[in-house]
Amino acid sequence: MHRRKLRLAIEDYREAENGKGLSKASELDHHWVAKAWLNDVGLLQYSQAFHNHLVDGRVLNSLTKRDLEKYLNVSKKFHQISLLLAIELFRQWDFDRE
């Protein structure tokens, strides 16, 4: 997951250099995702795993069901669905914290 985080950050900065600016997801640090966002979603019990893997806005945007199971130990199917739907909703809101 750490390699992915670095790759996503590099890609984001390259796009910013081309005039697109940084993505809104880049504004969301791993502390906010692990504490505030997971609390809002109602799945704060995964906070430590998200924090340990430094899941920030960019990584959050790239998570898959497999990632949730393999890296973040989210084994309950309804929790996986809830997280994936919350991520999709976040995308629709263009990663606006409010």
N, C-alpha and C. Protein backbone atom coordinates (compact mmCIF):
# COMPACT_ATOMS: atom_id res chain seq x y z
N MET A 1 0.82 -1.19 0.00
CA MET A 1 0.00 0.00 0.00
C MET A 1 0.87 1.27 0.00
N HIS A 2 2.05 1.18 0.62
CA HIS A 2 2.90 2.36 0.67
C HIS A 2 3.43 2.72 -0.71
N ARG A 3 3.74 1.72 -1.51
CA ARG A 3 4.19 1.98 -2.88
C ARG A 3 3.08 2.65 -3.68
N ARG A 4 1.86 2.16 -3.49
CA ARG A 4 0.73 2.76 -4.20
C ARG A 4 0.56 4.22 -3.78
N LYS A 5 0.70 4.47 -2.49
CA LYS A 5 0.56 5.84 -1.99
C LYS A 5 1.58 6.76 -2.67
N LEU A 6 2.81 6.31 -2.76
CA LEU A 6 3.84 7.11 -3.42
C LEU A 6 3.55 7.29 -4.91
N ARG A 7 3.14 6.20 -5.56
CA ARG A 7 2.84 6.28 -6.99
C ARG A 7 1.70 7.26 -7.26
N LEU A 8 0.65 7.20 -6.44
CA LEU A 8 -0.49 8.09 -6.63
C LEU A 8 -0.10 9.54 -6.38
N ALA A 9 0.75 9.78 -5.40
CA ALA A 9 1.21 11.15 -5.13
C ALA A 9 2.04 11.68 -6.29
N ILE A 10 2.92 10.86 -6.82
CA ILE A 10 3.75 11.27 -7.96
C ILE A 10 2.87 11.58 -9.16
N GLU A 11 1.90 10.71 -9.45
CA GLU A 11 0.99 10.95 -10.57
C GLU A 11 0.22 12.25 -10.37
N ASP A 12 -0.22 12.50 -9.15
CA ASP A 12 -0.98 13.71 -8.86
C ASP A 12 -0.12 14.95 -9.09
N TYR A 13 1.13 14.92 -8.63
CA TYR A 13 2.01 16.07 -8.81
C TYR A 13 2.37 16.27 -10.28
N ARG A 14 2.50 15.20 -11.03
CA ARG A 14 2.77 15.34 -12.47
C ARG A 14 1.60 16.02 -13.17
N GLU A 15 0.39 15.62 -12.81
CA GLU A 15 -0.79 16.25 -13.40
C GLU A 15 -0.87 17.72 -12.98
N ALA A 16 -0.46 18.02 -11.77
CA ALA A 16 -0.46 19.41 -11.30
C ALA A 16 0.51 20.26 -12.10
N GLU A 17 1.65 19.67 -12.43
CA GLU A 17 2.64 20.39 -13.25
C GLU A 17 2.11 20.69 -14.64
N ASN A 18 1.20 19.86 -15.13
CA ASN A 18 0.61 20.07 -16.45
C ASN A 18 -0.56 21.03 -16.42
N GLY A 19 -0.76 21.69 -15.29
CA GLY A 19 -1.78 22.72 -15.21
C GLY A 19 -3.11 22.29 -14.65
N LYS A 20 -3.27 21.04 -14.28
CA LYS A 20 -4.55 20.57 -13.76
C LYS A 20 -4.73 20.90 -12.28
N GLY A 21 -3.65 21.13 -11.58
CA GLY A 21 -3.71 21.33 -10.13
C GLY A 21 -3.80 20.00 -9.42
N LEU A 22 -3.54 20.04 -8.12
CA LEU A 22 -3.62 18.81 -7.33
C LEU A 22 -5.07 18.39 -7.19
N SER A 23 -5.28 17.11 -7.08
CA SER A 23 -6.63 16.59 -6.91
C SER A 23 -7.16 16.98 -5.53
N LYS A 24 -8.49 17.05 -5.40
CA LYS A 24 -9.11 17.35 -4.11
C LYS A 24 -8.79 16.24 -3.10
N ALA A 25 -8.60 15.03 -3.60
CA ALA A 25 -8.28 13.91 -2.71
C ALA A 25 -6.95 14.13 -2.00
N SER A 26 -6.06 14.90 -2.60
CA SER A 26 -4.74 15.14 -1.99
C SER A 26 -4.85 15.97 -0.71
N GLU A 27 -5.97 16.65 -0.52
CA GLU A 27 -6.16 17.48 0.67
C GLU A 27 -6.52 16.66 1.91
N LEU A 28 -6.82 15.39 1.72
CA LEU A 28 -7.27 14.54 2.82
C LEU A 28 -6.11 13.69 3.33
N ASP A 29 -5.60 14.04 4.50
CA ASP A 29 -4.48 13.28 5.04
C ASP A 29 -4.96 12.01 5.75
N HIS A 30 -4.02 11.14 6.06
CA HIS A 30 -4.37 9.84 6.63
C HIS A 30 -4.98 9.97 8.03
N HIS A 31 -4.63 11.00 8.77
CA HIS A 31 -5.23 11.19 10.10
C HIS A 31 -6.73 11.47 9.96
N TRP A 32 -7.08 12.33 9.02
CA TRP A 32 -8.48 12.68 8.82
C TRP A 32 -9.28 11.47 8.36
N VAL A 33 -8.72 10.72 7.41
CA VAL A 33 -9.42 9.53 6.89
C VAL A 33 -9.63 8.52 8.01
N ALA A 34 -8.57 8.25 8.79
CA ALA A 34 -8.64 7.22 9.83
C ALA A 34 -9.55 7.60 11.00
N LYS A 35 -9.68 8.87 11.27
CA LYS A 35 -10.48 9.29 12.42
C LYS A 35 -11.84 9.84 11.99
N ALA A 36 -11.84 10.97 11.33
CA ALA A 36 -13.09 11.67 11.02
C ALA A 36 -13.95 10.93 10.00
N TRP A 37 -13.34 10.53 8.88
CA TRP A 37 -14.13 9.91 7.81
C TRP A 37 -14.69 8.56 8.26
N LEU A 38 -13.86 7.72 8.85
CA LEU A 38 -14.36 6.42 9.31
C LEU A 38 -15.41 6.58 10.40
N ASN A 39 -15.28 7.60 11.23
CA ASN A 39 -16.30 7.87 12.23
C ASN A 39 -17.62 8.26 11.56
N ASP A 40 -17.54 9.12 10.54
CA ASP A 40 -18.74 9.53 9.80
C ASP A 40 -19.41 8.35 9.11
N VAL A 41 -18.61 7.41 8.63
CA VAL A 41 -19.14 6.23 7.95
C VAL A 41 -19.70 5.23 8.96
N GLY A 42 -19.27 5.35 10.21
CA GLY A 42 -19.75 4.46 11.26
C GLY A 42 -18.92 3.20 11.41
N LEU A 43 -17.69 3.24 10.93
CA LEU A 43 -16.82 2.06 10.98
C LEU A 43 -15.47 2.41 11.60
N LEU A 44 -15.54 3.09 12.73
CA LEU A 44 -14.33 3.54 13.41
C LEU A 44 -13.45 2.39 13.89
N GLN A 45 -14.00 1.18 13.97
CA GLN A 45 -13.21 0.04 14.43
C GLN A 45 -12.05 -0.28 13.48
N TYR A 46 -12.08 0.26 12.26
CA TYR A 46 -11.00 0.02 11.30
C TYR A 46 -9.98 1.15 11.30
N SER A 47 -10.13 2.08 12.20
CA SER A 47 -9.28 3.26 12.24
C SER A 47 -7.79 2.91 12.35
N GLN A 48 -7.45 1.98 13.21
CA GLN A 48 -6.04 1.63 13.41
C GLN A 48 -5.43 1.05 12.13
N ALA A 49 -6.15 0.19 11.44
CA ALA A 49 -5.64 -0.40 10.20
C ALA A 49 -5.45 0.68 9.13
N PHE A 50 -6.43 1.59 8.99
CA PHE A 50 -6.31 2.67 8.02
C PHE A 50 -5.13 3.58 8.38
N HIS A 51 -4.96 3.84 9.66
CA HIS A 51 -3.86 4.69 10.11
C HIS A 51 -2.51 4.00 9.88
N ASN A 52 -2.42 2.73 10.20
CA ASN A 52 -1.16 1.99 10.01
C ASN A 52 -0.73 1.95 8.55
N HIS A 53 -1.70 1.88 7.65
CA HIS A 53 -1.39 1.83 6.22
C HIS A 53 -1.39 3.21 5.57
N LEU A 54 -1.51 4.25 6.41
CA LEU A 54 -1.44 5.64 5.94
C LEU A 54 -2.42 5.92 4.79
N VAL A 55 -3.64 5.44 4.94
CA VAL A 55 -4.65 5.62 3.89
C VAL A 55 -5.10 7.08 3.89
N ASP A 56 -4.67 7.81 2.87
CA ASP A 56 -5.07 9.20 2.71
C ASP A 56 -6.13 9.28 1.61
N GLY A 57 -6.47 10.47 1.19
CA GLY A 57 -7.50 10.65 0.18
C GLY A 57 -7.20 9.97 -1.14
N ARG A 58 -5.96 10.04 -1.57
CA ARG A 58 -5.59 9.42 -2.85
C ARG A 58 -5.72 7.90 -2.77
N VAL A 59 -5.21 7.32 -1.69
CA VAL A 59 -5.29 5.87 -1.52
C VAL A 59 -6.75 5.45 -1.34
N LEU A 60 -7.48 6.22 -0.57
CA LEU A 60 -8.90 5.93 -0.36
C LEU A 60 -9.63 5.83 -1.70
N ASN A 61 -9.31 6.74 -2.61
CA ASN A 61 -9.93 6.77 -3.93
C ASN A 61 -9.60 5.55 -4.76
N SER A 62 -8.52 4.86 -4.43
CA SER A 62 -8.08 3.71 -5.23
C SER A 62 -8.40 2.36 -4.60
N LEU A 63 -8.99 2.36 -3.40
CA LEU A 63 -9.24 1.10 -2.69
C LEU A 63 -10.24 0.20 -3.41
N THR A 64 -9.96 -1.08 -3.34
CA THR A 64 -10.86 -2.09 -3.90
C THR A 64 -11.30 -3.03 -2.78
N LYS A 65 -12.25 -3.88 -3.09
CA LYS A 65 -12.72 -4.88 -2.13
C LYS A 65 -11.55 -5.76 -1.68
N ARG A 66 -10.71 -6.12 -2.61
CA ARG A 66 -9.55 -6.95 -2.30
C ARG A 66 -8.60 -6.24 -1.34
N ASP A 67 -8.37 -4.94 -1.55
CA ASP A 67 -7.53 -4.17 -0.64
C ASP A 67 -8.10 -4.16 0.77
N LEU A 68 -9.41 -3.97 0.85
CA LEU A 68 -10.06 -3.93 2.16
C LEU A 68 -9.85 -5.24 2.91
N GLU A 69 -9.96 -6.35 2.19
CA GLU A 69 -9.78 -7.66 2.82
C GLU A 69 -8.32 -7.94 3.15
N LYS A 70 -7.46 -7.76 2.16
CA LYS A 70 -6.06 -8.18 2.28
C LYS A 70 -5.23 -7.27 3.18
N TYR A 71 -5.36 -5.97 3.04
CA TYR A 71 -4.49 -5.04 3.76
C TYR A 71 -5.13 -4.43 5.00
N LEU A 72 -6.43 -4.19 4.94
CA LEU A 72 -7.08 -3.45 6.01
C LEU A 72 -7.93 -4.32 6.92
N ASN A 73 -7.93 -5.62 6.67
CA ASN A 73 -8.63 -6.61 7.51
C ASN A 73 -10.12 -6.34 7.68
N VAL A 74 -10.73 -5.84 6.62
CA VAL A 74 -12.19 -5.64 6.63
C VAL A 74 -12.78 -6.91 6.01
N SER A 75 -13.17 -7.84 6.85
CA SER A 75 -13.63 -9.14 6.35
C SER A 75 -15.15 -9.23 6.24
N LYS A 76 -15.86 -8.42 6.99
CA LYS A 76 -17.32 -8.47 6.93
C LYS A 76 -17.82 -7.84 5.63
N LYS A 77 -18.62 -8.58 4.90
CA LYS A 77 -19.08 -8.15 3.57
C LYS A 77 -19.85 -6.84 3.62
N PHE A 78 -20.72 -6.68 4.62
CA PHE A 78 -21.50 -5.45 4.72
C PHE A 78 -20.62 -4.25 5.03
N HIS A 79 -19.54 -4.46 5.77
CA HIS A 79 -18.61 -3.37 6.04
C HIS A 79 -17.86 -2.99 4.76
N GLN A 80 -17.48 -3.99 3.98
CA GLN A 80 -16.81 -3.72 2.71
C GLN A 80 -17.72 -2.91 1.80
N ILE A 81 -18.97 -3.34 1.69
CA ILE A 81 -19.93 -2.64 0.83
C ILE A 81 -20.15 -1.22 1.33
N SER A 82 -20.29 -1.05 2.63
CA SER A 82 -20.48 0.28 3.20
C SER A 82 -19.31 1.20 2.88
N LEU A 83 -18.09 0.69 3.02
CA LEU A 83 -16.91 1.50 2.73
C LEU A 83 -16.82 1.84 1.25
N LEU A 84 -17.06 0.86 0.39
CA LEU A 84 -16.97 1.11 -1.05
C LEU A 84 -18.05 2.09 -1.52
N LEU A 85 -19.24 1.99 -0.96
CA LEU A 85 -20.29 2.95 -1.30
C LEU A 85 -19.98 4.34 -0.78
N ALA A 86 -19.40 4.42 0.41
CA ALA A 86 -19.01 5.71 0.96
C ALA A 86 -17.90 6.35 0.13
N ILE A 87 -16.98 5.55 -0.37
CA ILE A 87 -15.92 6.06 -1.24
C ILE A 87 -16.52 6.57 -2.54
N GLU A 88 -17.46 5.81 -3.10
CA GLU A 88 -18.12 6.24 -4.34
C GLU A 88 -18.87 7.56 -4.14
N LEU A 89 -19.54 7.69 -3.03
CA LEU A 89 -20.25 8.93 -2.72
C LEU A 89 -19.25 10.08 -2.58
N PHE A 90 -18.14 9.81 -1.95
CA PHE A 90 -17.09 10.81 -1.80
C PHE A 90 -16.57 11.27 -3.16
N ARG A 91 -16.42 10.33 -4.09
CA ARG A 91 -16.00 10.67 -5.45
C ARG A 91 -17.02 11.60 -6.11
N GLN A 92 -18.29 11.28 -5.93
CA GLN A 92 -19.34 12.10 -6.53
C GLN A 92 -19.32 13.51 -5.95
N TRP A 93 -18.92 13.65 -4.70
CA TRP A 93 -18.82 14.96 -4.07
C TRP A 93 -17.46 15.60 -4.32
N ASP A 94 -16.66 15.00 -5.17
CA ASP A 94 -15.33 15.49 -5.51
C ASP A 94 -14.45 15.66 -4.27
N PHE A 95 -14.56 14.72 -3.35
CA PHE A 95 -13.74 14.67 -2.14
C PHE A 95 -13.84 15.93 -1.29
N ASP A 96 -15.03 16.47 -1.23
CA ASP A 96 -15.30 17.64 -0.38
C ASP A 96 -15.56 17.17 1.05
N ARG A 97 -14.78 17.64 1.99
CA ARG A 97 -14.91 17.21 3.39
C ARG A 97 -16.24 17.57 4.00
N GLU A 98 -16.80 18.63 3.58
CA GLU A 98 -18.05 19.10 4.18
C GLU A 98 -19.20 18.30 3.64
